Amino acid sequence: MMPRRTRSALRLHPEVLKKNGRKEFVVLPYEEFVAIQEQLEDAEDLVGLRLAVLQDKGGPGLTVDELKARLGLSKERTRRRPVKRAKQLPLRGQRSIRRVRTNKPV
């Protein structure tokens, strides 16, 4: 049986078991089963997120400055640090590349 390709390029290798000549069960390798479970959980999370966004749409909100004021954060504490200079790293087959380290959000 040929592997089935789904929308997200997940390759499945199902084995169909028949009972009285009719397709009754499908057996999958465990890794494929886990991958399907993870994709279903991601889809459920996405549906929940979209529903929450729709429910909050048009509701009261805060600007970043309002949130900082409410949390008691001053502009001095939330200022980002300057980015450090790039380091030169050799890359196989090329002279060098630049690797830039960025600041993590506060």
Protein backbone atom coordinates (compact mmCIF):
# COMPACT_ATOMS: atom_id res chain seq x y z
CA MET A 1 0.00 0.00 0.00
CA MET A 2 1.34 3.47 -0.93
CA PRO A 3 1.88 6.02 1.87
CA ARG A 4 -0.78 8.68 2.02
CA ARG A 5 0.29 12.33 1.95
CA THR A 6 -1.77 14.81 3.94
CA ARG A 7 -1.96 18.60 3.79
CA SER A 8 0.97 19.13 6.18
CA ALA A 9 3.26 16.66 4.40
CA LEU A 10 2.83 14.05 7.13
CA ARG A 11 3.48 10.68 5.56
CA LEU A 12 1.26 7.89 6.86
CA HIS A 13 1.79 4.16 6.52
CA PRO A 14 -1.58 2.68 7.56
CA GLU A 15 -2.41 -1.02 7.64
CA VAL A 16 -6.12 -1.67 7.09
CA LEU A 17 -7.63 -4.66 8.88
CA LYS A 18 -10.84 -6.16 7.57
CA LYS A 19 -13.63 -7.94 9.40
CA ASN A 20 -16.14 -9.93 7.34
CA GLY A 21 -14.66 -8.40 4.19
CA ARG A 22 -15.26 -4.81 5.34
CA LYS A 23 -12.60 -2.33 6.46
CA GLU A 24 -12.84 -2.28 10.24
CA PHE A 25 -9.55 -1.03 11.78
CA VAL A 26 -6.43 0.92 10.87
CA VAL A 27 -3.05 0.27 12.46
CA LEU A 28 -0.35 2.98 12.35
CA PRO A 29 3.26 3.04 13.47
CA TYR A 30 3.46 4.66 16.90
CA GLU A 31 5.52 7.66 15.68
CA GLU A 32 2.86 8.50 13.08
CA PHE A 33 0.13 8.20 15.71
CA VAL A 34 1.97 10.64 18.00
CA ALA A 35 2.50 13.06 15.11
CA ILE A 36 -1.24 12.99 14.34
CA GLN A 37 -2.05 13.61 18.01
CA GLU A 38 0.29 16.62 18.10
CA GLN A 39 -1.26 18.08 14.95
CA LEU A 40 -4.75 17.65 16.38
CA GLU A 41 -3.71 19.40 19.60
CA ASP A 42 -2.18 22.24 17.58
CA ALA A 43 -5.40 22.56 15.57
CA GLU A 44 -7.49 22.63 18.77
CA ASP A 45 -5.21 25.33 20.21
CA LEU A 46 -5.56 27.37 17.02
CA VAL A 47 -9.36 27.11 17.12
CA GLY A 48 -9.33 28.23 20.77
CA LEU A 49 -7.05 31.16 19.97
CA ARG A 50 -9.21 32.29 17.06
CA LEU A 51 -12.34 32.02 19.20
CA ALA A 52 -10.73 34.10 21.98
CA VAL A 53 -9.66 36.77 19.47
CA LEU A 54 -13.19 36.96 18.08
CA GLN A 55 -14.71 37.21 21.56
CA ASP A 56 -12.31 40.00 22.58
CA LYS A 57 -12.65 41.94 19.34
CA GLY A 58 -13.91 45.44 19.98
CA GLY A 59 -13.58 45.02 23.74
CA PRO A 60 -11.62 47.23 26.08
CA GLY A 61 -7.88 47.08 25.72
CA LEU A 62 -4.71 48.74 26.94
CA THR A 63 -1.90 50.44 25.10
CA VAL A 64 1.67 49.46 25.98
CA ASP A 65 2.15 52.72 27.89
CA GLU A 66 -1.06 52.15 29.87
CA LEU A 67 0.04 48.63 30.74
CA LYS A 68 3.49 49.84 31.86
CA ALA A 69 1.85 52.51 34.04
CA ARG A 70 -0.54 49.96 35.56
CA LEU A 71 2.35 47.58 36.32
CA GLY A 72 4.49 50.39 37.68
CA LEU A 73 7.22 49.99 35.08
CA SER A 74 9.19 53.08 34.18
CA LYS A 75 10.60 53.77 30.76
CA GLU A 76 14.12 53.41 32.20
CA ARG A 77 13.54 49.81 33.31
CA THR A 78 12.08 48.72 29.98
CA ARG A 79 14.70 50.27 27.70
CA ARG A 80 16.51 47.71 25.57
CA ARG A 81 20.22 47.23 25.83
CA PRO A 82 22.31 48.00 22.73
CA VAL A 83 23.06 45.11 20.39
CA LYS A 84 26.60 43.76 20.67
CA ARG A 85 28.92 43.79 17.71
CA ALA A 86 28.69 40.88 15.28
CA LYS A 87 31.17 38.01 15.58
CA GLN A 88 32.91 36.55 12.58
CA LEU A 89 32.28 32.81 12.20
CA PRO A 90 33.79 30.70 9.40
CA LEU A 91 31.39 28.78 7.18
CA ARG A 92 32.48 25.73 5.26
CA GLY A 93 33.02 26.66 1.62
CA GLN A 94 32.76 30.41 2.26
CA ARG A 95 35.06 32.99 3.76
CA SER A 96 32.91 33.97 6.71
CA ILE A 97 29.44 34.94 7.83
CA ARG A 98 28.25 37.46 10.37
CA ARG A 99 26.31 36.25 13.35
CA VAL A 100 24.38 38.96 15.17
CA ARG A 101 23.17 38.43 18.69
CA THR A 102 19.92 40.26 19.41
CA ASN A 103 18.41 41.28 22.70
CA LYS A 104 15.67 39.18 24.15
CA PRO A 105 12.41 41.02 24.92
CA VAL A 106 12.06 42.20 28.49
